[in-house]
Protein backbone atom coordinates (compact mmCIF):
# COMPACT_ATOMS: atom_id res chain seq x y z
CA MET A 1 56.15 82.56 41.37
CA SER A 2 56.02 85.93 40.88
CA GLU A 3 58.74 87.21 38.61
CA SER A 4 58.46 90.96 40.16
CA LEU A 5 59.08 89.23 43.66
CA HIS A 6 62.41 87.39 41.97
CA GLY A 7 63.18 90.25 40.44
CA GLY A 8 63.35 92.53 43.10
CA LYS A 9 60.66 94.69 42.36
CA PHE A 10 58.96 95.30 45.49
CA LYS A 11 56.23 98.00 44.33
CA ASP A 12 55.12 95.56 40.90
CA PHE A 13 54.83 92.64 43.35
CA VAL A 14 52.49 94.32 45.17
CA SER A 15 50.73 95.65 42.27
CA GLU A 16 49.85 92.18 41.29
CA LEU A 17 48.85 91.54 45.04
CA ILE A 18 46.31 94.49 45.55
CA PRO A 19 43.83 93.13 42.46
CA VAL A 20 43.72 89.44 44.15
CA ILE A 21 42.97 90.69 47.52
CA SER A 22 40.28 92.61 46.20
CA LYS A 23 38.93 90.31 43.94
CA ALA A 24 38.85 87.99 47.08
CA ALA A 25 36.90 90.10 49.36
CA ASN A 26 35.04 91.18 46.82
CA ALA A 27 35.65 94.62 47.99
CA PHE A 28 34.71 98.00 45.70
CA ARG A 29 38.21 99.31 46.64
CA THR A 30 41.85 97.92 48.08
CA SER A 31 44.87 100.04 48.58
CA PHE A 32 48.57 99.65 50.68
CA TRP A 33 50.11 102.48 51.78
CA LEU A 34 53.73 102.49 52.75
CA TYR A 35 54.57 104.33 56.06
CA ARG A 36 57.11 107.10 55.66
CA SER A 37 58.27 107.72 59.35
CA GLU A 38 60.83 110.43 58.59
CA MET A 39 58.09 112.37 57.08
CA ASP A 40 55.12 110.65 59.19
CA HIS A 41 53.00 109.79 56.52
CA PHE A 42 51.14 107.13 54.18
CA GLU A 43 52.76 107.15 50.95
CA SER A 44 50.19 105.63 48.15
CA ILE A 45 51.69 102.41 46.68
CA GLN A 46 48.42 101.31 45.01
CA CYS A 47 44.75 101.56 44.76
CA PHE A 48 43.03 99.16 42.85
CA GLU A 49 38.75 99.80 42.05
CA SER A 50 37.18 96.08 41.11
CA GLU A 51 33.98 97.81 39.06
CA ASN A 52 36.63 99.38 36.36
CA ASN A 53 39.19 97.20 36.77
CA ARG A 54 41.65 100.44 37.54
CA ALA A 55 44.84 100.65 39.35
CA SER A 56 45.84 104.02 40.27
CA SER A 57 47.89 105.95 43.27
CA GLY A 58 44.74 107.39 45.45
CA GLU A 59 45.66 110.13 47.92
CA ALA A 60 47.96 109.64 51.08
CA LEU A 61 46.31 109.78 54.33
CA ASP A 62 47.98 112.17 55.92
CA LYS A 63 47.91 113.92 59.70
CA VAL A 64 47.05 117.27 58.32
CA SER A 65 43.49 115.76 56.80
CA PHE A 66 42.97 113.52 59.39
CA PRO A 67 44.79 114.17 62.16
CA ARG A 68 43.08 111.88 65.05
CA PHE A 69 42.42 109.12 62.25
CA PHE A 70 45.73 108.72 61.46
CA GLU A 71 47.02 108.59 64.97
CA GLN A 72 44.15 105.44 65.38
CA LEU A 73 45.91 103.59 62.52
CA LYS A 74 49.29 103.75 64.34
CA LYS A 75 48.05 102.41 67.12
CA HIS A 76 45.95 99.34 66.19
CA GLN A 77 46.05 96.44 64.55
CA PHE A 78 42.49 96.46 63.11
CA ILE A 79 40.37 99.35 61.96
CA GLN A 80 36.86 98.79 60.52
CA ILE A 81 34.80 101.84 60.22
CA GLU A 82 31.17 102.08 58.65
CA SER A 83 29.57 105.45 57.57
CA SER A 84 27.41 105.57 59.91
CA ASN A 85 29.41 105.69 62.60
CA ASP A 86 29.74 109.21 64.97
CA ALA A 87 32.97 108.62 66.95
CA ASP A 88 34.56 111.51 67.68
CA GLU A 89 38.06 110.28 66.46
CA PHE A 90 36.87 109.36 63.03
CA GLU A 91 34.42 111.57 62.51
CA GLU A 92 36.64 114.02 60.23
CA PHE A 93 37.53 111.03 58.10
CA THR A 94 33.86 109.73 57.89
CA LEU A 95 32.58 113.02 56.21
CA ASP A 96 35.99 114.06 54.53
CA TYR A 97 35.96 110.43 52.67
CA LEU A 98 33.41 107.91 53.35
CA VAL A 99 30.68 110.18 53.03
CA LYS A 100 32.66 112.23 49.92
CA ASN A 101 33.29 108.78 48.19
CA ARG A 102 29.87 107.00 49.16
CA LEU A 103 31.76 104.34 51.10
CA THR A 104 29.48 102.38 53.80
CA SER A 105 31.96 100.38 55.03
CA TRP A 106 36.07 100.55 55.11
CA ALA A 107 38.78 98.01 57.20
CA SER A 108 42.52 98.10 57.47
CA ILE A 109 44.76 96.32 58.93
CA GLN A 110 48.71 97.60 59.71
CA VAL A 111 51.62 95.90 58.18
CA TRP A 112 54.77 95.65 60.17
CA ASN A 113 58.37 94.34 59.30
CA ASP A 114 61.24 93.99 61.28
CA ASN A 115 58.97 94.82 64.36
CA ARG A 116 58.37 98.73 62.69
CA LEU A 117 55.11 99.35 61.22
CA PHE A 118 55.58 99.14 57.31
CA GLY A 119 52.30 100.29 55.98
CA ILE A 120 48.79 99.77 55.98
CA LEU A 121 46.45 97.62 53.81
CA THR A 122 42.67 99.02 53.31
CA ILE A 123 39.83 97.30 51.97
CA GLU A 124 36.38 99.64 51.38
CA TRP A 125 33.10 98.70 50.04
CA LYS A 126 30.41 100.66 48.80
CA THR A 127 27.79 98.37 50.61
CA LYS A 128 26.63 97.38 54.19
CA LYS A 129 29.46 94.90 54.78
CA ASP A 130 29.69 92.58 58.08
CA PHE A 131 32.96 91.97 59.04
CA VAL A 132 33.25 88.05 58.69
CA ASP A 133 36.20 85.74 59.76
CA GLN A 134 36.94 85.28 56.09
CA ASP A 135 37.44 89.30 55.46
CA GLN A 136 40.22 88.87 58.64
CA LEU A 137 41.43 85.84 57.12
CA ILE A 138 42.21 87.99 54.15
CA MET A 139 43.38 90.83 55.28
CA VAL A 140 46.16 89.39 57.92
CA THR A 141 46.99 86.49 54.82
CA GLY A 142 47.77 89.80 52.28
CA ALA A 143 49.68 91.81 55.22
CA SER A 144 51.65 88.56 56.06
CA MET A 145 53.10 88.24 52.23
CA ILE A 146 53.49 92.13 51.72
CA SER A 147 55.69 91.75 54.35
CA GLN A 148 57.25 88.80 53.29
CA CYS A 149 57.78 90.01 50.21
CA TYR A 150 60.36 93.32 51.36
CA ASP A 151 61.98 90.14 53.36
CA ALA A 152 62.47 88.77 50.09
CA LEU A 153 63.71 91.81 48.27
CA LEU A 154 66.12 92.23 51.21
CA ARG A 155 67.60 89.19 50.78
CA LEU A 156 68.01 89.16 46.90
CA LYS A 157 69.89 92.43 47.65
CA GLU A 158 71.89 90.84 50.22
CA ASP A 159 72.69 88.12 47.71
CA PHE A 160 73.40 90.65 44.74
CA LEU A 161 75.89 91.74 47.58
CA HIS A 162 77.47 88.87 48.42
CA ARG A 163 78.06 87.54 44.85
CA ASN A 164 79.70 90.78 44.43
CA GLU A 165 82.03 89.66 46.89
CA LEU A 166 82.42 86.71 45.33
CA SER A 167 84.18 87.65 42.60
CA THR A 168 87.17 88.95 44.18
CA LEU A 169 87.86 85.47 45.11
CA LYS A 170 90.65 83.46 42.70
CA VAL A 171 88.32 80.94 41.36
CA GLU A 172 87.56 79.45 38.30
CA GLU A 173 85.01 81.83 36.20
CA LYS A 174 82.47 78.86 35.76
CA GLU A 175 82.78 77.86 39.27
CA LYS A 176 82.09 82.00 40.26
CA GLU A 177 78.91 81.71 38.61
CA LYS A 178 77.52 78.42 39.72
CA LEU A 179 78.44 78.97 43.06
CA ALA A 180 76.20 82.44 43.09
CA LYS A 181 73.77 81.03 40.99
CA LYS A 182 73.11 78.27 43.94
CA LEU A 183 73.27 81.09 46.84
CA SER A 184 70.28 82.79 44.46
CA ASP A 185 68.44 80.00 43.90
CA HIS A 186 68.37 78.79 47.96
CA ALA A 187 67.95 82.61 48.81
CA PHE A 188 64.89 83.04 46.90
CA TYR A 189 63.24 79.53 47.96
CA THR A 190 64.19 79.77 51.29
CA SER A 191 62.12 83.66 51.29
CA HIS A 192 59.54 82.43 49.06
CA SER A 193 58.53 78.59 49.46
CA ILE A 194 59.20 78.74 53.21
CA ARG A 195 58.23 82.30 54.50
CA HIS A 196 54.83 82.33 53.18
CA PRO A 197 53.29 79.18 54.58
CA LEU A 198 55.43 80.11 57.81
CA SER A 199 53.68 83.92 57.69
CA THR A 200 50.59 82.67 57.17
CA ILE A 201 50.83 79.66 59.93
CA LEU A 202 51.53 82.57 62.40
CA ALA A 203 48.48 84.76 61.31
CA LEU A 204 46.03 81.55 62.04
CA ILE A 205 47.51 81.12 65.19
CA ASP A 206 46.25 84.87 65.85
CA LEU A 207 43.07 84.16 64.46
CA ILE A 208 42.62 80.82 66.78
CA LYS A 209 43.63 82.87 69.72
CA LEU A 210 40.48 85.62 68.52
CA ASN A 211 37.98 82.18 68.43
CA TRP A 212 38.69 80.12 70.74
CA GLU A 213 35.33 80.25 72.23
CA SER A 214 33.67 79.92 68.57
CA ARG A 215 33.88 76.09 68.09
CA ASP A 216 32.98 75.68 64.76
CA THR A 217 35.80 78.78 63.46
CA TYR A 218 38.02 77.19 65.49
CA GLU A 219 37.98 73.54 63.73
CA GLU A 220 37.98 75.26 60.60
CA LEU A 221 41.14 77.67 61.47
CA LEU A 222 42.77 74.41 62.79
CA GLN A 223 42.25 72.56 59.46
CA GLN A 224 43.42 75.41 57.49
CA LEU A 225 46.61 75.30 60.08
CA LYS A 226 47.10 71.46 59.29
CA ILE A 227 47.14 71.92 55.81
CA GLU A 228 50.02 74.94 55.78
CA THR A 229 51.95 73.05 58.37
CA MET A 230 52.06 70.42 55.80
CA ASN A 231 53.43 72.38 53.13
CA LEU A 232 55.96 73.98 55.37
CA ASP A 233 56.99 70.73 55.68
CA ASP A 234 57.20 69.66 52.08
CA ALA A 235 58.81 73.36 51.43
CA ILE A 236 61.94 72.08 53.86
CA ARG A 237 61.90 68.13 52.48
CA VAL A 238 62.65 69.99 48.87
CA MET A 239 64.82 72.68 50.21
CA THR A 240 67.22 69.99 51.89
CA ALA A 241 67.07 67.84 49.30
CA LYS A 242 68.15 70.51 46.80
CA ILE A 243 71.04 71.23 49.43
CA GLU A 244 71.91 67.68 49.08
CA LEU A 245 72.00 67.39 45.36
CA ASP A 246 74.20 70.36 45.02
């Protein structure tokens, strides 16, 4: 379990996750941009380059630099671009970003939270890349975990406020601390151990729909779905046992 997640540090958790995604996708660079709706731009949170194992803040993707491409990012679930593409809607991004940085392949996925666009996760390669199901699964899982992390942060804040309310109750100090700890433990377990397999199950269902006609891929995804369902069942059993013990 991530100490950053348990400590309510969203940016630190993203900084831990991005290098893992980058290495899993065998990518040159992986980044996450938080969407600021009030300013209508993507704010750079984390940029990781695998070749030199370096993390930085990267350049923001804004409407001024790439107007047509920026609008596409807000409309589509997945966008994949190769530097050889000459599509008009991506021309300025291809010339000013991909070619400038000597990139050959680039892909992105939206990250949603509470039914709104929360940010985008991007992966970049310096070689010709055929975007396969495994890459798609990595991106979907990564986006789900970022959204899940933010949910956990909100729940921890809610728990903190709730524990403050408990301080006004006329109960013994030891009982008050014990109750607050139980609430914190249950909130964290629910947010992390249960929402993780649930998010992955939802992602796998979407992939199964996309690969309905491919029997081999369908069987593989179905097996992964069974595993994650068993993980969710185990997590629920543990949570039930914890509540009964308390």
